[in-house]
Amino acid sequence: MLTACILGSCGIVPSGTAPRNLDNACSIVEQRPHYMRAFKATERRWGVPVNVQMAIIHQESRFKANAKTPMRYILGVIPRGRQSSAYGYAQALDGTWE
């Protein structure tokens, strides 16, 4: 049973990892077929073409589901928070309001 679990898990891709070849849209969709279903649904509902959606996702997070900005540290060891001041749905930065 343990062998079956180990062999079965070999094909599972961790959800937070990006596809292997980010420069090829076809390989991204080949690795993650559920992306294309979501892209098509979004295109039908909002009229945003698939290529535009993929370009935005590539620029924003490189297709990494749990992308975050790097942490800042005090004295190299004490976590101080993320490097960005972006907040909320609009991801507005502090400098936007000054």
Protein backbone atom coordinates (compact mmCIF):
# COMPACT_ATOMS: atom_id res chain seq x y z
CA MET A 1 0.00 0.00 0.00
CA LEU A 2 2.84 2.37 0.82
CA THR A 3 4.39 1.72 -2.59
CA ALA A 4 1.09 2.54 -4.30
CA CYS A 5 0.86 5.84 -2.41
CA ILE A 6 4.42 6.80 -3.27
CA LEU A 7 4.04 5.90 -6.95
CA GLY A 8 0.67 7.65 -7.14
CA SER A 9 2.07 10.85 -5.70
CA CYS A 10 4.82 11.10 -8.32
CA GLY A 11 2.46 12.72 -10.82
CA ILE A 12 1.10 15.27 -8.37
CA VAL A 13 2.38 18.81 -8.82
CA PRO A 14 2.46 21.00 -5.71
CA SER A 15 -0.24 23.67 -6.02
CA GLY A 16 2.03 26.62 -5.24
CA THR A 17 4.66 25.87 -7.86
CA ALA A 18 4.82 27.53 -11.26
CA PRO A 19 4.74 25.58 -14.52
CA ARG A 20 8.16 24.51 -15.83
CA ASN A 21 8.33 26.59 -19.04
CA LEU A 22 6.87 30.06 -18.47
CA ASP A 23 7.90 31.29 -21.92
CA ASN A 24 5.58 28.89 -23.76
CA ALA A 25 1.83 29.37 -23.31
CA CYS A 26 1.08 25.97 -24.86
CA SER A 27 3.28 24.14 -22.35
CA ILE A 28 1.66 26.03 -19.45
CA VAL A 29 -1.80 24.91 -20.56
CA GLU A 30 -0.51 21.39 -21.25
CA GLN A 31 0.83 21.12 -17.69
CA ARG A 32 -2.23 22.74 -16.11
CA PRO A 33 -5.34 21.96 -18.22
CA HIS A 34 -7.62 23.46 -15.57
CA TYR A 35 -6.07 26.86 -16.34
CA MET A 36 -7.53 26.79 -19.86
CA ARG A 37 -10.99 25.99 -18.53
CA ALA A 38 -10.76 29.01 -16.23
CA PHE A 39 -9.34 31.22 -19.01
CA LYS A 40 -12.18 30.27 -21.37
CA ALA A 41 -14.83 30.87 -18.69
CA THR A 42 -13.35 34.29 -17.97
CA GLU A 43 -13.21 35.11 -21.67
CA ARG A 44 -16.90 34.19 -22.09
CA ARG A 45 -18.00 36.14 -19.03
CA TRP A 46 -15.83 39.25 -19.21
CA GLY A 47 -14.55 39.29 -22.79
CA VAL A 48 -10.87 39.28 -21.79
CA PRO A 49 -8.87 37.23 -24.33
CA VAL A 50 -6.87 34.26 -23.05
CA ASN A 51 -3.55 35.77 -24.15
CA VAL A 52 -4.21 38.94 -22.13
CA GLN A 53 -5.10 36.93 -19.03
CA MET A 54 -1.94 34.86 -19.35
CA ALA A 55 0.20 37.97 -19.84
CA ILE A 56 -1.23 39.59 -16.71
CA ILE A 57 -0.73 36.45 -14.60
CA HIS A 58 2.81 36.06 -15.93
CA GLN A 59 3.66 39.66 -15.01
CA GLU A 60 1.97 39.60 -11.61
CA SER A 61 3.04 36.23 -10.20
CA ARG A 62 4.77 34.11 -12.86
CA PHE A 63 1.91 31.60 -12.41
CA LYS A 64 2.91 30.96 -8.81
CA ALA A 65 -0.31 30.48 -6.81
CA ASN A 66 1.03 31.69 -3.47
CA ALA A 67 3.41 34.41 -4.71
CA LYS A 68 4.46 36.90 -2.06
CA THR A 69 6.98 39.69 -1.88
CA PRO A 70 10.20 38.90 0.00
CA MET A 71 10.33 39.40 3.76
CA ARG A 72 12.27 42.22 5.39
CA TYR A 73 14.43 41.47 8.41
CA ILE A 74 15.92 43.52 11.24
CA LEU A 75 19.55 42.57 11.90
CA GLY A 76 19.12 39.82 9.34
CA VAL A 77 17.08 37.55 11.62
CA ILE A 78 14.00 39.30 13.04
CA PRO A 79 11.10 39.27 10.54
CA ARG A 80 9.70 42.76 9.93
CA GLY A 81 7.05 42.05 7.30
CA ARG A 82 6.79 42.06 3.54
CA GLN A 83 8.66 44.57 1.36
CA SER A 84 5.53 46.05 -0.24
CA SER A 85 3.02 48.39 1.34
CA ALA A 86 0.31 47.25 -1.11
CA TYR A 87 -3.01 46.78 0.64
CA GLY A 88 -6.50 45.64 -0.27
CA TYR A 89 -8.23 44.70 -3.50
CA ALA A 90 -6.67 47.52 -5.53
CA GLN A 91 -3.20 46.76 -4.16
CA ALA A 92 -2.68 50.50 -3.72
CA LEU A 93 0.72 51.48 -2.34
CA ASP A 94 1.24 54.05 0.42
CA GLY A 95 2.86 56.41 -2.10
CA THR A 96 -0.34 56.48 -4.17
CA TRP A 97 -2.10 58.66 -1.62
CA GLU A 98 0.71 61.12 -0.96
